[in-house]
Amino acid sequence: MPVYEYWCDSHGLFNALRPMAACAEPCDCPECGAVAPRVMVTPPRVAGGDRSRMKAHAINERAADSPRRSAGHGPGCGCCGGGPKPGRSTLQRPDGSKSFPSARPWMISH
């Protein structure tokens, strides 16, 4: 069962262990018994689990615009996307015009 946060006007924030079916329902304050609505003050966290699962969760939660960081690779390595681009083969015709045979033939070049 997950732990949810609730806010009592008299006693403040408290946590309660509730079934997932009751996630939207208010809970009684353990101190005064007043009905307290559910609030989300702290971000959810995954407790427990093996190291590979925690690492996978951290990768999933990383923002799409945050830079990738590899443990053993430098900024110029070719395997992580930060390295140099592979060269394109250029075909030079006798009249001096260039052609890129590996490029998309239906695209008009500039």
N, C-alpha and C. Protein backbone atom coordinates (compact mmCIF):
# COMPACT_ATOMS: atom_id res chain seq x y z
N MET A 1 0.84 -1.19 0.00
CA MET A 1 0.00 0.00 0.00
C MET A 1 0.87 1.24 0.00
N PRO A 2 0.48 2.25 -0.74
CA PRO A 2 1.27 3.48 -0.79
C PRO A 2 0.99 4.39 0.41
N VAL A 3 1.92 5.28 0.63
CA VAL A 3 1.80 6.29 1.69
C VAL A 3 1.39 7.59 1.04
N TYR A 4 0.29 8.19 1.51
CA TYR A 4 -0.20 9.45 0.98
C TYR A 4 -0.03 10.54 2.02
N GLU A 5 0.03 11.80 1.55
CA GLU A 5 0.15 12.95 2.44
C GLU A 5 -1.20 13.65 2.55
N TYR A 6 -1.50 14.11 3.75
CA TYR A 6 -2.75 14.83 4.01
C TYR A 6 -2.43 16.08 4.81
N TRP A 7 -3.33 17.08 4.70
CA TRP A 7 -3.11 18.35 5.40
C TRP A 7 -4.27 18.64 6.34
N CYS A 8 -3.95 18.70 7.63
CA CYS A 8 -4.92 19.07 8.64
C CYS A 8 -4.73 20.56 8.94
N ASP A 9 -5.82 21.34 8.96
CA ASP A 9 -5.72 22.77 9.22
C ASP A 9 -5.16 23.05 10.62
N SER A 10 -5.41 22.17 11.57
CA SER A 10 -4.93 22.38 12.95
C SER A 10 -3.53 21.85 13.19
N HIS A 11 -3.19 20.68 12.61
CA HIS A 11 -1.93 20.01 12.94
C HIS A 11 -0.94 19.93 11.79
N GLY A 12 -1.33 20.37 10.61
CA GLY A 12 -0.39 20.39 9.49
C GLY A 12 -0.33 19.08 8.72
N LEU A 13 0.83 18.83 8.17
CA LEU A 13 1.05 17.69 7.28
C LEU A 13 1.18 16.38 8.06
N PHE A 14 0.52 15.33 7.56
CA PHE A 14 0.72 13.99 8.12
C PHE A 14 0.61 12.96 6.99
N ASN A 15 1.18 11.80 7.21
CA ASN A 15 1.18 10.71 6.23
C ASN A 15 0.26 9.60 6.71
N ALA A 16 -0.34 8.91 5.75
CA ALA A 16 -1.20 7.77 6.09
C ALA A 16 -1.00 6.68 5.04
N LEU A 17 -0.96 5.45 5.51
CA LEU A 17 -0.85 4.29 4.64
C LEU A 17 -2.26 3.89 4.24
N ARG A 18 -2.60 4.05 2.95
CA ARG A 18 -3.96 3.81 2.48
C ARG A 18 -3.94 2.95 1.23
N PRO A 19 -5.01 2.22 0.94
CA PRO A 19 -5.07 1.45 -0.30
C PRO A 19 -5.18 2.39 -1.50
N MET A 20 -4.77 1.93 -2.66
CA MET A 20 -4.79 2.76 -3.86
C MET A 20 -6.21 3.13 -4.26
N ALA A 21 -7.18 2.32 -3.92
CA ALA A 21 -8.57 2.63 -4.24
C ALA A 21 -9.06 3.86 -3.49
N ALA A 22 -8.44 4.19 -2.37
CA ALA A 22 -8.85 5.33 -1.56
C ALA A 22 -7.91 6.53 -1.74
N CYS A 23 -7.21 6.59 -2.86
CA CYS A 23 -6.21 7.65 -3.05
C CYS A 23 -6.83 9.04 -3.11
N ALA A 24 -8.02 9.20 -3.65
CA ALA A 24 -8.64 10.52 -3.79
C ALA A 24 -9.50 10.91 -2.59
N GLU A 25 -9.76 9.98 -1.70
CA GLU A 25 -10.63 10.25 -0.55
C GLU A 25 -9.85 10.96 0.56
N PRO A 26 -10.51 11.83 1.31
CA PRO A 26 -9.84 12.47 2.46
C PRO A 26 -9.62 11.46 3.58
N CYS A 27 -8.76 11.83 4.51
CA CYS A 27 -8.42 10.94 5.63
C CYS A 27 -8.62 11.70 6.94
N ASP A 28 -8.93 10.99 8.00
CA ASP A 28 -9.09 11.63 9.31
C ASP A 28 -7.72 11.90 9.93
N CYS A 29 -7.56 13.08 10.52
CA CYS A 29 -6.31 13.44 11.19
C CYS A 29 -6.11 12.52 12.40
N PRO A 30 -4.93 11.96 12.59
CA PRO A 30 -4.70 11.07 13.73
C PRO A 30 -4.71 11.80 15.07
N GLU A 31 -4.51 13.11 15.08
CA GLU A 31 -4.47 13.88 16.33
C GLU A 31 -5.85 14.35 16.77
N CYS A 32 -6.60 14.96 15.84
CA CYS A 32 -7.88 15.54 16.25
C CYS A 32 -9.09 14.87 15.60
N GLY A 33 -8.89 14.04 14.58
CA GLY A 33 -9.99 13.34 13.93
C GLY A 33 -10.71 14.15 12.87
N ALA A 34 -10.23 15.36 12.58
CA ALA A 34 -10.85 16.18 11.55
C ALA A 34 -10.55 15.60 10.17
N VAL A 35 -11.46 15.81 9.23
CA VAL A 35 -11.28 15.31 7.87
C VAL A 35 -10.24 16.20 7.17
N ALA A 36 -9.20 15.55 6.62
CA ALA A 36 -8.10 16.27 5.97
C ALA A 36 -8.01 15.84 4.51
N PRO A 37 -7.90 16.79 3.59
CA PRO A 37 -7.76 16.44 2.17
C PRO A 37 -6.35 15.97 1.86
N ARG A 38 -6.25 15.20 0.79
CA ARG A 38 -4.93 14.72 0.34
C ARG A 38 -4.20 15.85 -0.37
N VAL A 39 -2.91 15.97 -0.10
CA VAL A 39 -2.06 16.96 -0.74
C VAL A 39 -0.81 16.27 -1.28
N MET A 40 -0.12 16.93 -2.19
CA MET A 40 1.15 16.41 -2.71
C MET A 40 2.21 17.46 -2.45
N VAL A 41 2.95 17.29 -1.37
CA VAL A 41 3.96 18.26 -0.96
C VAL A 41 5.35 17.80 -1.40
N THR A 42 5.68 16.55 -1.17
CA THR A 42 6.99 16.03 -1.56
C THR A 42 6.84 15.19 -2.82
N PRO A 43 7.87 15.16 -3.68
CA PRO A 43 7.77 14.36 -4.89
C PRO A 43 7.77 12.87 -4.56
N PRO A 44 7.13 12.06 -5.38
CA PRO A 44 7.12 10.62 -5.12
C PRO A 44 8.51 10.03 -5.27
N ARG A 45 8.78 9.00 -4.53
CA ARG A 45 10.09 8.34 -4.61
C ARG A 45 9.88 6.83 -4.59
N VAL A 46 10.81 6.15 -5.19
CA VAL A 46 10.76 4.70 -5.24
C VAL A 46 11.67 4.17 -4.15
N ALA A 47 11.11 3.48 -3.23
CA ALA A 47 11.90 2.94 -2.12
C ALA A 47 12.19 1.47 -2.39
N GLY A 48 13.41 1.06 -2.12
CA GLY A 48 13.77 -0.33 -2.27
C GLY A 48 14.02 -0.72 -3.72
N GLY A 49 14.27 -1.98 -3.94
CA GLY A 49 14.53 -2.47 -5.28
C GLY A 49 16.02 -2.64 -5.52
N ASP A 50 16.33 -3.38 -6.56
CA ASP A 50 17.74 -3.62 -6.86
C ASP A 50 18.33 -2.41 -7.59
N ARG A 51 19.65 -2.40 -7.69
CA ARG A 51 20.36 -1.25 -8.24
C ARG A 51 20.02 -0.99 -9.70
N SER A 52 19.86 -2.04 -10.50
CA SER A 52 19.56 -1.85 -11.91
C SER A 52 18.17 -1.24 -12.10
N ARG A 53 17.22 -1.60 -11.27
CA ARG A 53 15.89 -1.02 -11.36
C ARG A 53 15.91 0.46 -10.97
N MET A 54 16.67 0.80 -9.95
CA MET A 54 16.78 2.21 -9.52
C MET A 54 17.45 3.04 -10.62
N LYS A 55 18.46 2.46 -11.28
CA LYS A 55 19.15 3.18 -12.36
C LYS A 55 18.21 3.38 -13.54
N ALA A 56 17.42 2.36 -13.88
CA ALA A 56 16.45 2.49 -14.97
C ALA A 56 15.41 3.55 -14.65
N HIS A 57 14.97 3.60 -13.41
CA HIS A 57 13.99 4.62 -13.00
C HIS A 57 14.58 6.02 -13.12
N ALA A 58 15.83 6.18 -12.73
CA ALA A 58 16.49 7.49 -12.83
C ALA A 58 16.64 7.92 -14.29
N ILE A 59 16.93 6.98 -15.18
CA ILE A 59 17.06 7.30 -16.60
C ILE A 59 15.70 7.71 -17.17
N ASN A 60 14.64 7.01 -16.77
CA ASN A 60 13.30 7.36 -17.23
C ASN A 60 12.87 8.73 -16.76
N GLU A 61 13.25 9.13 -15.57
CA GLU A 61 12.83 10.40 -15.00
C GLU A 61 13.67 11.58 -15.46
N ARG A 62 14.80 11.32 -16.11
CA ARG A 62 15.65 12.40 -16.58
C ARG A 62 14.93 13.17 -17.68
N ALA A 63 15.04 14.47 -17.65
CA ALA A 63 14.39 15.30 -18.66
C ALA A 63 15.00 15.05 -20.04
N ALA A 64 14.20 15.22 -21.06
CA ALA A 64 14.67 14.96 -22.41
C ALA A 64 15.75 15.95 -22.84
N ASP A 65 15.75 17.14 -22.25
CA ASP A 65 16.74 18.14 -22.65
C ASP A 65 17.99 18.13 -21.79
N SER A 66 18.06 17.26 -20.79
CA SER A 66 19.26 17.22 -19.95
C SER A 66 20.36 16.46 -20.69
N PRO A 67 21.61 16.86 -20.50
CA PRO A 67 22.70 16.21 -21.23
C PRO A 67 22.93 14.79 -20.76
N ARG A 68 23.36 13.94 -21.68
CA ARG A 68 23.71 12.57 -21.32
C ARG A 68 25.09 12.56 -20.71
N ARG A 69 25.26 11.75 -19.70
CA ARG A 69 26.56 11.62 -19.06
C ARG A 69 26.89 10.15 -18.95
N SER A 70 28.03 9.78 -19.45
CA SER A 70 28.50 8.41 -19.34
C SER A 70 29.60 8.35 -18.31
N ALA A 71 29.66 7.25 -17.58
CA ALA A 71 30.62 7.13 -16.49
C ALA A 71 32.06 7.12 -16.98
N GLY A 72 32.38 6.33 -18.00
CA GLY A 72 33.78 6.17 -18.37
C GLY A 72 34.17 6.84 -19.67
N HIS A 73 33.31 7.63 -20.26
CA HIS A 73 33.60 8.17 -21.57
C HIS A 73 33.76 9.69 -21.50
N GLY A 74 34.65 10.18 -22.34
CA GLY A 74 34.86 11.62 -22.42
C GLY A 74 33.90 12.27 -23.39
N PRO A 75 33.95 13.58 -23.52
CA PRO A 75 33.01 14.28 -24.39
C PRO A 75 33.19 13.99 -25.87
N GLY A 76 34.34 13.47 -26.30
CA GLY A 76 34.57 13.24 -27.72
C GLY A 76 34.44 11.80 -28.15
N CYS A 77 33.92 10.92 -27.30
CA CYS A 77 33.84 9.51 -27.69
C CYS A 77 32.80 9.33 -28.78
N GLY A 78 32.97 8.35 -29.63
CA GLY A 78 32.07 8.13 -30.74
C GLY A 78 30.86 7.28 -30.40
N CYS A 79 30.85 6.60 -29.26
CA CYS A 79 29.77 5.68 -28.96
C CYS A 79 28.59 6.33 -28.26
N CYS A 80 28.75 7.51 -27.69
CA CYS A 80 27.67 8.12 -26.91
C CYS A 80 26.99 9.28 -27.63
N GLY A 81 27.28 9.50 -28.86
CA GLY A 81 26.62 10.56 -29.60
C GLY A 81 27.35 11.88 -29.57
N GLY A 82 28.44 11.99 -28.82
CA GLY A 82 29.16 13.25 -28.74
C GLY A 82 30.37 13.31 -29.63
N GLY A 83 30.67 12.23 -30.34
CA GLY A 83 31.88 12.16 -31.15
C GLY A 83 31.70 12.76 -32.53
N PRO A 84 32.73 12.65 -33.33
CA PRO A 84 32.66 13.22 -34.67
C PRO A 84 31.68 12.44 -35.54
N LYS A 85 31.09 13.14 -36.51
CA LYS A 85 30.16 12.50 -37.43
C LYS A 85 30.93 11.68 -38.45
N PRO A 86 30.37 10.57 -38.90
CA PRO A 86 31.04 9.81 -39.94
C PRO A 86 31.05 10.60 -41.24
N GLY A 87 32.12 10.48 -42.00
CA GLY A 87 32.26 11.23 -43.24
C GLY A 87 31.30 10.72 -44.31
N ARG A 88 30.87 11.64 -45.16
CA ARG A 88 30.00 11.28 -46.27
C ARG A 88 30.85 11.17 -47.52
N SER A 89 30.53 10.20 -48.34
CA SER A 89 31.28 10.06 -49.58
C SER A 89 30.75 11.08 -50.60
N THR A 90 31.65 11.81 -51.21
CA THR A 90 31.30 12.81 -52.20
C THR A 90 31.82 12.36 -53.55
N LEU A 91 30.94 12.37 -54.54
CA LEU A 91 31.32 12.02 -55.91
C LEU A 91 31.49 13.32 -56.68
N GLN A 92 32.68 13.49 -57.23
CA GLN A 92 32.96 14.71 -58.00
C GLN A 92 32.94 14.36 -59.48
N ARG A 93 32.09 15.04 -60.24
CA ARG A 93 31.95 14.79 -61.67
C ARG A 93 33.01 15.57 -62.45
N PRO A 94 33.25 15.19 -63.72
CA PRO A 94 34.26 15.88 -64.52
C PRO A 94 33.98 17.38 -64.71
N ASP A 95 32.69 17.77 -64.69
CA ASP A 95 32.39 19.19 -64.86
C ASP A 95 32.55 19.99 -63.56
N GLY A 96 32.94 19.36 -62.48
CA GLY A 96 33.17 20.04 -61.21
C GLY A 96 31.99 19.99 -60.25
N SER A 97 30.84 19.51 -60.71
CA SER A 97 29.68 19.42 -59.81
C SER A 97 29.86 18.25 -58.84
N LYS A 98 29.23 18.37 -57.69
CA LYS A 98 29.36 17.34 -56.66
C LYS A 98 28.05 16.59 -56.52
N SER A 99 28.16 15.35 -56.12
CA SER A 99 27.00 14.51 -55.88
C SER A 99 27.27 13.70 -54.62
N PHE A 100 26.22 13.48 -53.84
CA PHE A 100 26.33 12.68 -52.62
C PHE A 100 25.52 11.41 -52.81
N PRO A 101 26.16 10.32 -53.23
CA PRO A 101 25.41 9.10 -53.53
C PRO A 101 24.70 8.49 -52.32
N SER A 102 25.18 8.73 -51.13
CA SER A 102 24.54 8.15 -49.96
C SER A 102 23.39 9.00 -49.45
N ALA A 103 23.25 10.23 -49.94
CA ALA A 103 22.16 11.12 -49.51
C ALA A 103 20.86 10.71 -50.19
N ARG A 104 19.79 11.32 -49.80
CA ARG A 104 18.49 11.04 -50.37
C ARG A 104 18.43 11.61 -51.78
N PRO A 105 18.25 10.78 -52.81
CA PRO A 105 18.30 11.28 -54.19
C PRO A 105 17.12 12.17 -54.56
N TRP A 106 16.02 12.07 -53.86
CA TRP A 106 14.84 12.87 -54.20
C TRP A 106 14.90 14.28 -53.63
N MET A 107 15.89 14.57 -52.77
CA MET A 107 16.00 15.90 -52.17
C MET A 107 16.84 16.81 -53.07
N ILE A 108 16.43 18.05 -53.19
CA ILE A 108 17.17 19.02 -53.99
C ILE A 108 18.23 19.64 -53.12
N SER A 109 19.46 19.66 -53.60
CA SER A 109 20.57 20.20 -52.84
C SER A 109 20.62 21.72 -52.99
N HIS A 110 21.24 22.41 -52.06
CA HIS A 110 21.36 23.87 -52.11
C HIS A 110 22.53 24.28 -52.95
